[in-house]
């Protein structure tokens, strides 16, 4: 599912909901649709974080619901910024990754970059807060300090497992289990890809 194209335009590929994306030959996948995430309940004043934004499939849709969207992306940030401009969206971009604060080598398909990393607390501070968190960080989600989730009303997060990530962090899962009502969508294909599933969580 990672690429869904419904038409072509001189100003980019036109996708579902009339979003437009510049595309070019790249060594990485350009994700144009994210139906696995639930976000119809984003509120106009929500401060939304899209960690692992790729080329904008989630944050562009979120920006139609909220006026405060920040996208974090270490590999495809230039193309992400082009797509934000193409759609005349008001989205802040952080060229970096979720992590410990130390530079890290980030791999996405056949592309490798050395990227600055930021803790979730640091990203939240740069963005001016977070009410709604979408996170697809290829395993870096297990580096989130549980207390950094404090105050976040909604979480949509892809949870990864080895070999593409470190083992799950029980403290993070315990924190979410205690404070959120949640479900995890699983599919047989996920286990083959090193993905536990998609977490949908609402603060109790």
Protein backbone atom coordinates (compact mmCIF):
# COMPACT_ATOMS: atom_id res chain seq x y z
CA UNK A 1 0.00 0.00 0.00
CA UNK A 2 2.61 2.59 0.32
CA UNK A 3 2.04 4.39 -2.96
CA UNK A 4 -1.36 5.22 -4.37
CA UNK A 5 -1.51 7.36 -7.48
CA UNK A 6 -4.82 8.43 -9.01
CA UNK A 7 -3.81 10.90 -11.69
CA UNK A 8 -1.17 13.17 -13.15
CA UNK A 9 -0.90 16.93 -13.37
CA UNK A 10 1.76 19.38 -14.58
CA UNK A 11 1.85 20.56 -10.99
CA UNK A 12 2.42 17.06 -9.58
CA UNK A 13 0.62 13.78 -9.03
CA UNK A 14 -2.95 14.37 -7.85
CA UNK A 15 -4.05 11.91 -5.17
CA UNK A 16 -7.08 11.20 -3.07
CA UNK A 17 -8.59 14.34 -1.51
CA UNK A 18 -6.94 16.45 -4.25
CA UNK A 19 -3.56 16.46 -2.58
CA UNK A 20 -0.63 17.03 -4.90
CA UNK A 21 2.82 15.47 -4.69
CA UNK A 22 6.00 16.11 -6.61
CA UNK A 23 7.64 12.80 -7.41
CA UNK A 24 10.99 11.93 -8.88
CA UNK A 25 13.26 8.93 -9.14
CA UNK A 26 14.63 8.32 -5.65
CA UNK A 27 16.28 5.41 -3.81
CA UNK A 28 13.44 5.50 -1.26
CA UNK A 29 9.66 5.03 -1.27
CA UNK A 30 7.50 8.12 -1.49
CA UNK A 31 4.40 7.43 0.62
CA UNK A 32 1.36 9.23 -0.73
CA UNK A 33 -1.43 7.79 1.40
CA UNK A 34 -1.69 6.57 4.99
CA UNK A 35 -5.10 4.92 5.50
CA UNK A 36 -3.73 2.89 8.41
CA UNK A 37 -3.78 5.98 10.63
CA UNK A 38 -6.94 7.36 12.29
CA UNK A 39 -7.05 11.15 12.48
CA UNK A 40 -10.59 12.37 11.82
CA UNK A 41 -10.72 13.54 15.45
CA UNK A 42 -7.94 16.12 15.06
CA UNK A 43 -9.25 19.40 16.44
CA UNK A 44 -8.70 22.82 14.87
CA UNK A 45 -6.53 24.00 17.77
CA UNK A 46 -4.65 20.72 18.23
CA UNK A 47 -0.88 20.94 18.00
CA UNK A 48 -0.06 18.02 15.73
CA UNK A 49 3.34 16.32 15.41
CA UNK A 50 4.08 14.08 12.43
CA UNK A 51 7.29 12.21 13.25
CA UNK A 52 8.57 10.35 10.21
CA UNK A 53 6.64 12.50 7.75
CA UNK A 54 8.19 11.08 4.55
CA UNK A 55 6.85 13.28 1.73
CA UNK A 56 3.78 14.56 3.58
CA UNK A 57 0.94 12.04 3.29
CA UNK A 58 -0.14 12.46 6.92
CA UNK A 59 0.83 16.04 7.74
CA UNK A 60 -0.80 17.48 4.59
CA UNK A 61 -4.09 15.84 5.55
CA UNK A 62 -3.70 16.87 9.18
CA UNK A 63 -3.13 20.48 8.12
CA UNK A 64 -6.64 20.55 6.68
CA UNK A 65 -7.96 19.89 10.19
CA UNK A 66 -5.50 21.76 12.41
CA UNK A 67 -3.73 25.09 12.11
CA UNK A 68 -0.69 23.89 14.09
CA UNK A 69 1.17 21.06 12.36
CA UNK A 70 4.87 20.23 12.64
CA UNK A 71 6.52 17.55 10.51
CA UNK A 72 9.81 15.84 11.41
CA UNK A 73 11.70 14.02 8.66
CA UNK A 74 15.40 13.10 8.36
CA UNK A 75 15.66 11.71 4.82
CA UNK A 76 13.03 13.23 2.53
CA UNK A 77 12.76 16.71 4.09
CA UNK A 78 13.49 18.58 0.83
CA UNK A 79 10.75 16.77 -1.09
CA UNK A 80 8.44 17.13 1.90
CA UNK A 81 8.96 20.91 1.85
CA UNK A 82 8.22 21.00 -1.88
CA UNK A 83 4.95 19.14 -1.36
CA UNK A 84 3.95 21.46 1.47
CA UNK A 85 4.49 24.42 -0.87
CA UNK A 86 2.67 22.70 -3.72
CA UNK A 87 -0.41 22.31 -1.49
CA UNK A 88 -0.12 25.81 0.05
CA UNK A 89 -0.12 24.22 3.52
CA UNK A 90 1.07 25.89 6.71
CA UNK A 91 3.36 23.23 8.20
CA UNK A 92 6.61 23.67 10.12
CA UNK A 93 9.35 21.23 9.03
CA UNK A 94 12.14 19.95 11.26
CA UNK A 95 14.90 18.25 9.24
CA UNK A 96 15.83 15.62 11.78
CA UNK A 97 14.77 12.43 13.49
CA UNK A 98 13.41 11.13 16.77
CA UNK A 99 16.27 9.90 18.94
CA UNK A 100 18.50 10.56 21.91
CA UNK A 101 19.88 13.93 20.83
CA UNK A 102 23.06 12.52 19.29
CA UNK A 103 23.58 12.45 15.49
CA UNK A 104 22.51 9.11 14.03
CA UNK A 105 22.75 7.28 10.73
CA UNK A 106 19.23 6.92 9.38
CA UNK A 107 18.40 4.39 6.67
CA UNK A 108 15.24 4.52 4.56
CA UNK A 109 15.25 1.90 1.81
CA UNK A 110 18.48 2.48 -0.14
CA UNK A 111 19.13 5.96 1.27
CA UNK A 112 21.41 6.62 4.25
CA UNK A 113 21.93 9.99 5.92
CA UNK A 114 23.55 11.19 9.12
CA UNK A 115 20.85 13.23 10.82
CA UNK A 116 20.50 15.28 13.96
CA UNK A 117 18.11 13.65 16.42
CA UNK A 118 15.85 15.08 19.07
CA UNK A 119 14.03 13.58 22.01
CA UNK A 120 10.25 13.76 21.93
CA UNK A 121 10.45 16.44 24.63
CA UNK A 122 12.75 18.55 22.46
CA UNK A 123 10.55 18.11 19.39
CA UNK A 124 7.48 19.08 21.42
CA UNK A 125 9.23 22.21 22.68
CA UNK A 126 10.29 23.22 19.14
CA UNK A 127 6.71 22.70 17.93
CA UNK A 128 5.19 24.65 20.81
CA UNK A 129 3.43 21.62 22.30
CA UNK A 130 1.71 18.44 21.21
CA UNK A 131 -1.90 17.31 21.50
CA UNK A 132 -1.88 14.74 18.68
CA UNK A 133 1.17 12.59 17.94
CA UNK A 134 1.66 10.53 14.80
CA UNK A 135 4.91 8.58 14.93
CA UNK A 136 6.45 6.27 12.33
CA UNK A 137 10.11 6.31 13.31
CA UNK A 138 11.30 2.86 12.17
CA UNK A 139 12.03 1.65 15.69
CA UNK A 140 13.10 4.95 17.30
CA UNK A 141 9.69 5.06 19.05
CA UNK A 142 11.21 2.77 21.71
CA UNK A 143 13.60 5.62 22.62
CA UNK A 144 10.67 7.80 23.77
CA UNK A 145 10.85 8.50 27.48
CA UNK A 146 7.36 7.70 28.82
CA UNK A 147 7.09 11.00 30.72
CA UNK A 148 7.56 12.87 27.42
CA UNK A 149 4.05 11.70 26.43
CA UNK A 150 2.52 13.72 29.27
CA UNK A 151 -0.23 16.00 27.99
CA UNK A 152 -0.61 14.28 24.61
CA UNK A 153 -4.31 13.53 24.05
CA UNK A 154 -4.02 11.21 21.04
CA UNK A 155 -1.34 8.89 19.70
CA UNK A 156 -1.12 7.15 16.33
CA UNK A 157 2.11 5.16 16.25
CA UNK A 158 3.62 2.38 14.19
CA UNK A 159 5.28 -0.06 16.59
CA UNK A 160 8.31 -1.94 15.27
CA UNK A 161 10.06 -5.12 16.35
CA UNK A 162 13.46 -6.67 15.57
CA UNK A 163 15.21 -7.04 13.22
CA UNK A 164 14.49 -3.46 12.11
CA UNK A 165 14.27 -2.01 15.62
CA UNK A 166 15.50 -2.59 19.15
CA UNK A 167 13.25 -4.74 21.36
CA UNK A 168 10.05 -3.07 22.58
CA UNK A 169 10.41 -0.84 25.63
CA UNK A 170 8.15 -2.30 28.38
CA UNK A 171 8.17 1.01 30.29
CA UNK A 172 6.68 2.84 27.30
CA UNK A 173 4.03 0.18 26.79
CA UNK A 174 3.18 0.21 30.51
CA UNK A 175 2.83 4.01 30.52
CA UNK A 176 0.47 3.91 27.53
CA UNK A 177 -1.48 1.02 29.02
CA UNK A 178 -2.01 2.87 32.30
CA UNK A 179 -2.97 6.26 30.89
CA UNK A 180 -4.57 5.58 27.52
CA UNK A 181 -7.42 3.58 26.08
CA UNK A 182 -5.79 1.90 23.11
CA UNK A 183 -5.93 -0.74 20.42
CA UNK A 184 -3.27 -2.16 18.11
CA UNK A 185 -4.18 -3.05 14.54
CA UNK A 186 -2.19 -6.07 13.42
CA UNK A 187 -1.86 -7.83 10.10
CA UNK A 188 0.10 -10.97 9.16
CA UNK A 189 2.17 -8.94 6.72
CA UNK A 190 3.39 -6.69 9.53
CA UNK A 191 5.37 -9.45 11.22
CA UNK A 192 7.24 -10.06 7.98
CA UNK A 193 8.15 -6.38 7.80
CA UNK A 194 9.29 -6.08 11.41
CA UNK A 195 6.16 -4.21 12.49
CA UNK A 196 4.13 -5.09 15.58
CA UNK A 197 1.17 -3.01 14.39
CA UNK A 198 -0.42 0.42 14.48
CA UNK A 199 -1.22 1.81 17.93
CA UNK A 200 -4.35 3.99 18.27
CA UNK A 201 -4.47 5.58 21.74
CA UNK A 202 -6.75 8.10 23.47
CA UNK A 203 -5.90 9.67 26.82
CA UNK A 204 -8.23 8.41 29.55
